[in-house]
Protein backbone atom coordinates (compact mmCIF):
# COMPACT_ATOMS: atom_id res chain seq x y z
CA MET A 1 -81.84 107.46 90.76
CA SER A 2 -80.80 103.86 90.12
CA TYR A 3 -79.23 101.81 92.93
CA SER A 4 -78.88 98.56 90.98
CA ASP A 5 -75.12 98.44 91.54
CA ILE A 6 -75.61 98.76 95.32
CA PRO A 7 -77.35 95.47 96.20
CA ARG A 8 -80.04 95.83 98.83
CA GLU A 9 -78.15 93.40 101.09
CA ARG A 10 -75.50 96.07 101.54
CA ILE A 11 -78.01 98.63 102.83
CA HIS A 12 -79.21 98.56 106.45
CA ALA A 13 -81.50 101.09 108.11
CA LEU A 14 -80.26 101.40 111.70
CA SER A 15 -83.26 103.30 113.02
CA GLN A 16 -86.96 103.74 112.37
CA LYS A 17 -86.79 107.54 112.23
CA PRO A 18 -87.61 109.07 108.86
CA ALA A 19 -85.36 111.20 106.73
CA ARG A 20 -86.34 114.85 107.07
CA ASP A 21 -85.69 118.34 105.73
CA GLY A 22 -82.10 119.33 106.36
CA ARG A 23 -79.09 121.25 105.10
CA TRP A 24 -77.08 118.25 103.92
CA ILE A 25 -76.73 114.50 103.68
CA LEU A 26 -74.17 113.57 106.30
CA TYR A 27 -71.72 110.84 105.33
CA TRP A 28 -69.96 109.54 108.43
CA MET A 29 -66.78 108.01 107.08
CA GLN A 30 -65.04 105.67 109.52
CA GLN A 31 -64.30 102.23 108.05
CA SER A 32 -64.32 102.94 104.30
CA GLN A 33 -61.65 105.63 104.17
CA ARG A 34 -61.65 106.17 100.41
CA ALA A 35 -63.27 108.32 97.74
CA GLU A 36 -63.69 105.57 95.14
CA ASP A 37 -65.38 102.15 95.18
CA ASN A 38 -67.22 103.19 98.32
CA HIS A 39 -70.84 102.06 98.41
CA ALA A 40 -71.68 104.16 101.47
CA LEU A 41 -70.35 107.34 99.90
CA GLU A 42 -72.05 106.58 96.60
CA TYR A 43 -75.35 105.95 98.39
CA ALA A 44 -75.00 109.30 100.17
CA VAL A 45 -74.34 111.11 96.87
CA ARG A 46 -77.36 109.57 95.18
CA GLN A 47 -79.57 110.38 98.16
CA ALA A 48 -78.29 113.96 98.06
CA ASN A 49 -79.04 114.27 94.36
CA ASP A 50 -82.56 112.93 94.92
CA ARG A 51 -83.11 115.59 97.59
CA LYS A 52 -81.18 118.39 95.84
CA LEU A 53 -78.78 118.65 98.79
CA PRO A 54 -75.01 118.72 99.25
CA VAL A 55 -73.01 116.00 101.01
CA LEU A 56 -70.92 116.71 104.09
CA ALA A 57 -68.41 113.98 104.98
CA VAL A 58 -67.11 113.71 108.55
CA PHE A 59 -64.34 111.58 109.99
CA ALA A 60 -63.83 111.41 113.76
CA LEU A 61 -60.14 111.21 114.73
CA TRP A 62 -60.22 109.81 118.23
CA ALA A 63 -56.84 109.81 119.98
CA SER A 64 -58.11 107.12 122.38
CA TYR A 65 -59.03 104.64 119.65
CA PRO A 66 -58.50 101.16 121.19
CA GLU A 67 -54.84 100.05 120.96
CA ALA A 68 -53.97 102.57 118.24
CA ASN A 69 -50.62 104.36 118.27
CA ALA A 70 -48.64 106.75 116.08
CA ARG A 71 -47.78 103.99 113.60
CA HIS A 72 -51.45 103.32 112.94
CA PHE A 73 -52.52 106.97 113.01
CA THR A 74 -49.77 108.04 110.60
CA PHE A 75 -50.81 105.45 108.04
CA LEU A 76 -54.44 106.51 108.51
CA LEU A 77 -53.64 110.21 108.14
CA GLU A 78 -51.57 109.63 105.01
CA GLY A 79 -54.64 108.04 103.50
CA LEU A 80 -57.05 110.72 104.71
CA GLN A 81 -54.91 113.45 103.14
CA GLU A 82 -55.46 111.85 99.75
CA THR A 83 -59.11 111.05 100.39
CA ARG A 84 -59.90 114.60 101.45
CA GLU A 85 -58.42 115.99 98.25
CA ALA A 86 -60.27 113.46 96.09
CA LEU A 87 -63.57 114.32 97.80
CA ARG A 88 -62.89 118.03 97.43
CA LYS A 89 -62.72 117.53 93.66
CA LYS A 90 -66.17 115.89 93.87
CA GLY A 91 -67.57 118.91 95.72
CA ILE A 92 -67.68 117.07 99.05
CA PRO A 93 -65.77 118.53 102.01
CA LEU A 94 -64.24 115.98 104.37
CA LEU A 95 -64.08 117.30 107.91
CA VAL A 96 -61.58 115.41 110.03
CA MET A 97 -62.53 116.37 113.56
CA GLY A 98 -60.87 115.41 116.81
CA GLY A 99 -63.09 113.69 119.35
CA ALA A 100 -65.09 110.58 120.14
CA PRO A 101 -66.92 109.37 117.01
CA VAL A 102 -70.42 109.40 118.47
CA GLU A 103 -70.07 112.97 119.72
CA VAL A 104 -68.62 114.24 116.44
CA VAL A 105 -71.27 112.59 114.28
CA LEU A 106 -74.18 113.71 116.44
CA ARG A 107 -72.95 117.30 116.27
CA TYR A 108 -73.29 117.36 112.48
CA SER A 109 -76.41 115.19 112.38
CA ARG A 110 -78.42 118.07 113.86
CA SER A 111 -78.62 119.72 110.44
CA ALA A 112 -78.70 116.52 108.40
CA ALA A 113 -81.64 115.21 106.40
CA LEU A 114 -80.13 111.74 106.55
CA VAL A 115 -76.99 110.14 108.03
CA VAL A 116 -75.22 107.53 105.91
CA THR A 117 -72.32 105.52 107.29
CA ASP A 118 -70.15 102.54 106.37
CA ARG A 119 -70.20 99.25 108.25
CA GLY A 120 -67.59 98.37 110.86
CA TYR A 121 -67.30 94.84 112.18
CA LEU A 122 -65.54 95.18 115.53
CA ARG A 123 -67.45 95.39 118.80
CA HIS A 124 -66.83 99.09 119.44
CA GLN A 125 -67.52 100.03 115.81
CA ARG A 126 -70.92 98.40 115.96
CA GLN A 127 -71.66 100.03 119.31
CA TRP A 128 -70.83 103.49 117.94
CA ARG A 129 -73.26 103.02 115.09
CA ARG A 130 -76.03 101.83 117.40
CA MET A 131 -75.53 104.86 119.65
CA VAL A 132 -75.60 107.29 116.71
CA ALA A 133 -78.73 105.64 115.32
CA GLU A 134 -80.41 105.89 118.73
CA LYS A 135 -79.56 109.56 119.32
CA ALA A 136 -79.50 111.13 115.86
CA PRO A 137 -82.60 113.20 114.99
CA CYS A 138 -83.01 111.52 111.59
CA LEU A 139 -82.72 108.18 109.82
CA VAL A 140 -79.28 106.52 109.94
CA VAL A 141 -78.44 104.13 107.10
CA GLU A 142 -75.42 101.83 107.13
CA VAL A 143 -74.03 100.68 103.76
CA GLU A 144 -71.56 97.80 103.76
CA SER A 145 -68.58 98.29 101.47
CA ASP A 146 -65.66 96.38 102.97
CA ALA A 147 -66.71 92.80 102.27
CA ILE A 148 -67.35 91.31 98.86
CA VAL A 149 -70.31 89.32 100.17
CA PRO A 150 -72.11 91.17 103.00
CA VAL A 151 -71.35 89.43 106.27
CA ALA A 152 -74.94 88.68 107.26
CA THR A 153 -75.72 87.42 103.74
CA ALA A 154 -72.72 85.12 103.56
CA ALA A 155 -73.80 83.04 106.56
CA GLU A 156 -76.32 83.08 109.39
CA LYS A 157 -73.93 81.89 112.10
CA ALA A 158 -70.27 81.51 112.97
CA GLU A 159 -68.67 79.07 110.56
CA TYR A 160 -66.42 76.20 111.66
CA GLY A 161 -63.78 76.88 109.04
CA ALA A 162 -62.95 77.73 105.47
CA TYR A 163 -64.42 74.44 104.27
CA THR A 164 -67.89 75.34 105.59
CA ILE A 165 -68.04 78.92 104.31
CA ARG A 166 -66.22 78.54 100.99
CA ARG A 167 -69.16 77.14 99.03
CA LYS A 168 -71.56 79.68 100.55
CA LEU A 169 -69.33 82.58 99.54
CA TRP A 170 -68.71 81.40 96.02
CA LYS A 171 -72.39 80.60 95.52
CA GLN A 172 -73.28 84.22 96.28
CA ALA A 173 -70.20 86.16 95.18
CA GLY A 174 -71.28 86.57 91.55
CA ARG A 175 -74.18 88.89 92.26
CA PHE A 176 -71.99 91.14 94.43
CA LEU A 177 -69.06 91.35 92.02
CA LEU A 178 -70.55 94.45 90.42
CA PRO A 179 -68.49 97.51 89.47
CA LEU A 180 -69.74 100.55 91.37
CA GLN A 181 -70.59 103.51 89.16
CA SER A 182 -69.50 106.93 90.40
CA THR A 183 -72.28 109.54 90.32
CA PRO A 184 -71.44 113.26 90.06
CA LEU A 185 -72.81 115.32 92.94
CA HIS A 186 -75.30 117.89 91.60
CA ASN A 187 -75.11 120.30 94.55
CA PRO A 188 -71.54 120.78 95.82
CA MET A 189 -71.24 122.24 99.30
CA ASN A 190 -69.95 125.81 99.54
CA PRO A 191 -68.98 127.04 102.03
CA CYS A 192 -68.03 124.26 104.44
CA PRO A 193 -69.40 124.72 107.98
CA ASP A 194 -66.03 124.04 109.67
CA GLU A 195 -62.34 123.74 108.86
CA GLY A 196 -61.38 120.51 110.57
CA LEU A 197 -57.89 119.37 111.54
CA ASP A 198 -54.80 120.15 109.49
CA LEU A 199 -53.59 116.85 108.02
CA ASN A 200 -50.49 118.16 106.28
CA ASP A 201 -48.10 117.07 109.05
CA PRO A 202 -49.22 113.74 110.52
CA ALA A 203 -46.33 113.64 113.00
CA ALA A 204 -47.18 117.06 114.40
CA LEU A 205 -50.87 116.20 114.58
CA CYS A 206 -50.12 112.97 116.47
CA ARG A 207 -47.98 114.90 118.95
CA SER A 208 -50.64 117.56 119.45
CA LEU A 209 -53.25 114.87 120.17
CA GLY A 210 -50.96 113.04 122.59
CA ILE A 211 -50.89 109.86 120.52
CA PRO A 212 -48.11 107.53 121.77
CA GLY A 213 -45.39 106.65 119.29
CA GLU A 214 -41.95 106.31 120.86
CA GLU A 215 -42.03 102.52 120.70
CA THR A 216 -44.02 102.37 117.47
CA PRO A 217 -42.77 105.07 115.10
CA PRO A 218 -44.29 105.43 111.63
CA VAL A 219 -43.11 103.02 108.93
CA SER A 220 -43.81 105.23 105.92
CA ARG A 221 -40.62 104.28 104.10
CA PHE A 222 -41.85 100.68 104.02
CA LEU A 223 -45.63 101.15 104.00
CA ARG A 224 -47.18 104.50 103.17
CA GLY A 225 -50.91 104.96 103.49
CA GLY A 226 -53.33 106.00 100.78
CA ALA A 227 -55.42 104.71 97.91
CA ARG A 228 -52.78 105.67 95.37
CA GLN A 229 -50.18 103.55 97.14
CA ALA A 230 -52.63 100.66 97.33
CA ARG A 231 -53.38 100.83 93.61
CA GLU A 232 -49.71 101.00 92.64
CA ARG A 233 -48.75 98.12 94.92
CA PHE A 234 -51.56 95.91 93.70
CA ARG A 235 -50.88 96.52 90.04
CA ARG A 236 -47.22 95.75 90.63
CA PHE A 237 -48.26 92.57 92.44
CA LEU A 238 -50.43 91.50 89.49
CA THR A 239 -47.47 91.72 87.12
CA GLU A 240 -44.56 90.72 89.39
CA GLY A 241 -45.90 88.77 92.36
CA LEU A 242 -49.02 86.98 91.15
CA PRO A 243 -47.21 84.78 88.58
CA ASN A 244 -45.40 83.11 91.51
CA TYR A 245 -48.11 83.46 94.16
CA ARG A 246 -49.19 79.82 94.40
CA ALA A 247 -45.61 78.65 94.84
CA HIS A 248 -44.37 81.54 96.98
CA HIS A 249 -47.27 82.57 99.23
CA ASN A 250 -45.75 80.44 102.01
CA GLN A 251 -42.14 81.32 101.22
CA PRO A 252 -41.08 84.19 103.53
CA GLN A 253 -37.75 84.68 101.80
CA THR A 254 -39.68 86.01 98.80
CA GLU A 255 -41.86 89.10 98.58
CA ASP A 256 -44.44 87.78 96.14
CA VAL A 257 -47.34 88.93 98.31
CA SER A 258 -49.79 91.75 97.70
CA THR A 259 -49.24 93.71 100.99
CA MET A 260 -52.88 94.75 100.69
CA SER A 261 -53.86 93.92 104.28
CA PRO A 262 -52.93 97.34 105.76
CA TYR A 263 -54.86 99.12 103.01
CA LEU A 264 -57.86 96.84 103.45
CA HIS A 265 -57.68 97.35 107.21
CA PHE A 266 -58.07 101.12 106.87
CA GLY A 267 -60.56 100.89 104.03
CA GLN A 268 -58.15 102.68 101.68
CA VAL A 269 -58.82 100.06 99.02
CA SER A 270 -61.98 98.10 98.31
CA PRO A 271 -61.83 94.30 98.35
CA LEU A 272 -64.34 94.42 95.52
CA ARG A 273 -61.95 96.52 93.44
CA LEU A 274 -59.14 94.02 94.05
CA ALA A 275 -61.41 91.15 93.04
CA LEU A 276 -62.50 92.91 89.86
CA GLU A 277 -58.92 93.70 88.87
CA LEU A 278 -57.94 90.12 89.56
CA ALA A 279 -60.80 88.97 87.32
CA GLY A 280 -59.05 90.76 84.46
CA VAL A 281 -56.09 88.38 84.74
CA PRO A 282 -56.24 85.01 82.93
CA PRO A 283 -57.36 82.33 85.42
CA SER A 284 -54.64 80.13 86.87
CA GLU A 285 -53.67 78.36 90.07
CA ASN A 286 -52.17 81.70 91.13
CA THR A 287 -55.42 83.64 90.75
CA GLU A 288 -57.28 80.84 92.54
CA ALA A 289 -54.82 80.95 95.44
CA PHE A 290 -55.19 84.70 95.81
CA GLU A 291 -58.99 84.53 95.54
CA GLU A 292 -58.93 82.05 98.40
CA GLN A 293 -57.18 84.62 100.60
CA LEU A 294 -59.16 87.67 99.46
CA LEU A 295 -62.63 86.14 99.56
CA VAL A 296 -62.67 82.98 101.66
CA ARG A 297 -60.06 83.58 104.35
CA ARG A 298 -60.70 87.30 104.78
CA GLU A 299 -64.47 86.95 104.92
CA LEU A 300 -64.24 83.92 107.20
CA ALA A 301 -62.42 86.29 109.58
CA ILE A 302 -65.21 88.85 109.28
CA ASN A 303 -67.75 86.10 109.94
CA HIS A 304 -65.89 85.12 113.12
CA ILE A 305 -65.86 88.54 114.75
CA TRP A 306 -69.42 89.27 113.62
CA PHE A 307 -70.93 86.19 115.24
CA GLN A 308 -68.47 85.44 118.06
CA ALA A 309 -68.85 87.93 120.91
CA ASP A 310 -65.58 86.79 122.54
CA TYR A 311 -63.49 87.11 119.39
CA ASP A 312 -60.65 88.76 121.32
CA SER A 313 -60.60 86.27 124.20
CA PHE A 314 -59.09 82.84 124.84
CA ALA A 315 -62.60 81.81 125.90
CA GLY A 316 -63.81 82.47 122.35
CA LEU A 317 -61.76 79.60 120.94
CA PRO A 318 -63.34 76.24 120.05
CA SER A 319 -64.06 74.15 123.14
CA TRP A 320 -61.81 71.30 121.99
CA ALA A 321 -58.86 73.71 121.65
CA VAL A 322 -59.43 75.32 125.05
CA GLN A 323 -59.68 71.88 126.66
CA THR A 324 -56.57 70.40 125.07
CA LEU A 325 -54.42 73.46 125.72
CA ARG A 326 -55.44 73.57 129.36
CA GLU A 327 -54.79 69.86 129.72
CA HIS A 328 -51.22 70.42 128.50
CA ALA A 329 -50.60 73.73 130.28
CA GLY A 330 -48.34 72.01 132.81
CA ASP A 331 -46.17 70.20 130.26
CA ALA A 332 -42.44 70.76 130.53
CA LYS A 333 -41.13 73.55 128.31
CA GLU A 334 -37.54 73.67 127.16
CA HIS A 335 -37.71 77.45 126.80
CA ARG A 336 -39.82 80.09 128.56
CA TYR A 337 -39.78 83.79 127.81
CA SER A 338 -41.51 86.74 129.41
CA GLY A 339 -43.57 89.11 127.32
CA CYS A 340 -40.79 91.70 127.64
CA ARG A 341 -38.13 89.36 126.24
CA LEU A 342 -40.41 88.38 123.41
CA GLU A 343 -41.12 92.00 122.55
CA THR A 344 -37.40 92.77 122.38
CA ALA A 345 -36.68 89.61 120.34
CA GLU A 346 -34.40 88.01 122.91
CA THR A 347 -34.95 84.30 122.30
CA HIS A 348 -32.69 81.43 121.26
CA ASP A 349 -34.45 81.17 117.88
CA PRO A 350 -32.87 83.28 115.08
CA TYR A 351 -35.88 82.87 112.79
CA TRP A 352 -38.32 84.03 115.45
CA ASN A 353 -36.07 86.95 116.44
CA ALA A 354 -35.81 88.06 112.83
CA ALA A 355 -39.59 87.91 112.39
CA MET A 356 -40.14 89.94 115.56
CA LYS A 357 -37.58 92.54 114.51
CA GLU A 358 -39.16 92.75 111.06
CA MET A 359 -42.53 93.39 112.68
CA ARG A 360 -41.18 96.07 114.99
CA HIS A 361 -39.19 97.78 112.25
CA THR A 362 -41.50 97.61 109.24
CA GLY A 363 -45.00 97.01 110.62
CA PHE A 364 -45.38 93.97 108.39
CA MET A 365 -44.41 90.30 108.30
CA HIS A 366 -44.89 87.57 105.74
CA ASN A 367 -48.04 85.67 106.72
CA TYR A 368 -46.33 82.29 106.88
CA LEU A 369 -43.84 83.67 109.40
CA ARG A 370 -46.72 85.17 111.37
CA MET A 371 -48.00 81.65 111.93
CA TYR A 372 -44.62 80.39 113.13
CA TRP A 373 -44.14 83.52 115.26
CA GLY A 374 -47.45 82.97 117.04
CA LYS A 375 -47.06 79.22 117.50
CA LYS A 376 -43.76 79.78 119.28
CA ILE A 377 -45.33 82.29 121.67
CA LEU A 378 -47.72 79.50 122.67
CA GLU A 379 -44.82 77.06 123.08
CA TRP A 380 -42.70 79.44 125.19
CA SER A 381 -45.35 80.97 127.49
CA PRO A 382 -46.21 79.76 131.01
CA ALA A 383 -49.89 79.24 130.16
CA PRO A 384 -51.98 79.24 126.97
CA GLU A 385 -54.17 82.10 128.20
CA GLU A 386 -51.07 84.25 128.71
CA ALA A 387 -49.75 83.24 125.30
CA PHE A 388 -53.01 84.34 123.68
CA GLU A 389 -52.87 87.74 125.38
CA THR A 390 -49.19 88.24 124.52
CA ALA A 391 -49.63 87.32 120.87
CA LEU A 392 -52.65 89.59 120.47
CA PHE A 393 -50.95 92.48 122.27
CA LEU A 394 -47.81 92.33 120.10
CA ASN A 395 -49.83 91.81 116.93
CA ASN A 396 -52.03 94.83 117.56
CA LYS A 397 -49.20 97.04 118.75
CA TYR A 398 -46.73 96.61 115.92
CA PHE A 399 -48.53 95.48 112.78
CA VAL A 400 -49.99 98.29 110.68
CA ASP A 401 -52.88 95.95 109.90
CA GLY A 402 -53.39 94.93 113.52
CA ARG A 403 -56.66 95.33 115.42
CA ASP A 404 -59.04 94.04 112.76
CA ALA A 405 -60.94 90.90 111.85
CA ASN A 406 -57.91 89.22 110.31
CA SER A 407 -55.85 90.01 113.41
CA PHE A 408 -58.27 88.52 115.90
CA THR A 409 -58.99 85.53 113.70
CA GLY A 410 -55.33 85.00 112.83
CA ILE A 411 -54.37 84.93 116.50
CA GLY A 412 -57.27 82.60 117.18
CA TRP A 413 -56.05 80.22 114.44
CA LEU A 414 -52.74 79.84 116.27
CA PHE A 415 -54.73 78.35 119.14
CA GLY A 416 -57.02 76.11 117.08
CA LEU A 417 -59.69 78.40 115.64
CA HIS A 418 -60.93 77.31 112.19
CA ASP A 419 -58.61 74.31 112.38
CA ARG A 420 -59.04 70.65 113.31
CA PRO A 421 -57.55 68.55 116.10
CA TRP A 422 -54.15 67.05 115.29
CA PRO A 423 -52.33 64.15 116.96
CA ALA A 424 -51.51 65.24 120.51
CA ARG A 425 -48.03 66.42 121.38
CA PRO A 426 -46.50 68.17 124.42
CA VAL A 427 -47.57 71.76 125.18
CA PHE A 428 -49.80 72.05 122.08
CA GLY A 429 -52.02 69.09 122.82
CA LYS A 430 -54.17 68.60 119.72
CA VAL A 431 -53.52 72.14 118.39
CA ARG A 432 -51.34 72.29 115.28
CA SER A 433 -47.67 73.04 115.96
CA MET A 434 -44.85 74.47 113.83
CA THR A 435 -41.14 73.84 114.19
CA ALA A 436 -37.89 75.44 113.08
CA THR A 437 -36.91 72.26 111.27
CA GLY A 438 -40.21 72.42 109.42
CA LEU A 439 -39.39 75.95 108.30
CA GLU A 440 -35.96 74.89 107.15
CA ARG A 441 -37.41 71.96 105.23
CA LYS A 442 -40.02 74.06 103.42
CA CYS A 443 -38.36 77.49 103.09
CA ASP A 444 -34.98 79.08 102.41
CA MET A 445 -34.53 80.51 105.89
CA LYS A 446 -30.98 81.69 105.23
CA ALA A 447 -32.36 83.91 102.48
CA TYR A 448 -35.10 85.11 104.81
CA LEU A 449 -32.57 86.16 107.46
CA GLN A 450 -30.60 88.03 104.81
CA ARG A 451 -33.73 89.80 103.58
CA VAL A 452 -34.67 90.95 107.08
CA GLU A 453 -31.12 92.07 107.84
CA LYS A 454 -31.16 94.20 104.69
CA LYS A 455 -34.47 95.79 105.69
CA LEU A 456 -33.26 96.54 109.19
CA SER A 457 -30.24 98.33 107.78
CA GLU A 458 -32.29 100.62 105.52
């Protein structure tokens, strides 16, 4: 069976144990929550065909997943409903089982000839895979499918910024921009060894699992999970949003953005698929601007959390940023707000309040406003360390795409990560600042307020 469209750099054996005789190839789905454009799934299918075995896919739904709430779980479950049906048509049952991921996977690895999984980049995701590889009775293979250029191939260390990783990524991207061929499974599984959780009513399932959601209800009327939604949104973006993307990507009063970040976060769409579809559009400054976000900025974020152990800590910021912020921690502040007042959008700033309300209500915010939103938290907090914690907490609680590489790196950027020192000013020191007058000069903020007000009334 050919594997030429799955470059070897995507494939990582996590243990030295051999594959063995077994009842199935186990595909542990966790990061790449999709049935198409999934290198890990495709690798599992081809291994199964080589061994004349079926594939059993397992997803562990852990109610205690770090910082996750009903908003996140609902979006996830909406996607898994669709993925389970798509896999069923391929002859692959997807068992969504409640419990800690390591325990769930090890249970089904006992009868597996081989365990195949996708790659996760966060600290706990990597730890889960190490633990499964250590305890599983057979070989565990990790196949990376959620970066265009595999993270360890793109660079050998944490990069200083976009300018240091850009050339490396573009130099290597060509050999990874390969369409992934879908291989039919020769031996469908029948019957399935278990039933798994009922996904038909995400709200009821969240309640039964005790997943918190009173403060963070689902946002399905604004953002609904699933590969189908991702495809439809991206194709609409290519025709309606992309023609204005270069001019409007920093204009929050417009909606000429792809909204792909939640779908990329949950692995419901492949970044490779987005890149290949974009390649079908005539090149322009708009395609170049979007490529910069999809490849350079997104994979710079993955690089950061992969190589920086303290990616979720103030201490993980560049030393110059930590030093300058601490030097200016005692500067006079015209406004100070507690975390509670920030969360309830009770500040003097109408633009910031609107952005916070949009986040709470829709689970999404234009990226340019995210930068302003976070810079103001730094300006209004008693200390930079507290500002970092507040910004990260609110980001991860309310954004559907919170709690991933872009989240941790985006918060870090607010405090100087992947940036350069600027002329010193009060509170910020040499860290870049943003002002309301700057917003008004560059954007139509009256139109932005009207747009948010309309959304809040829906």
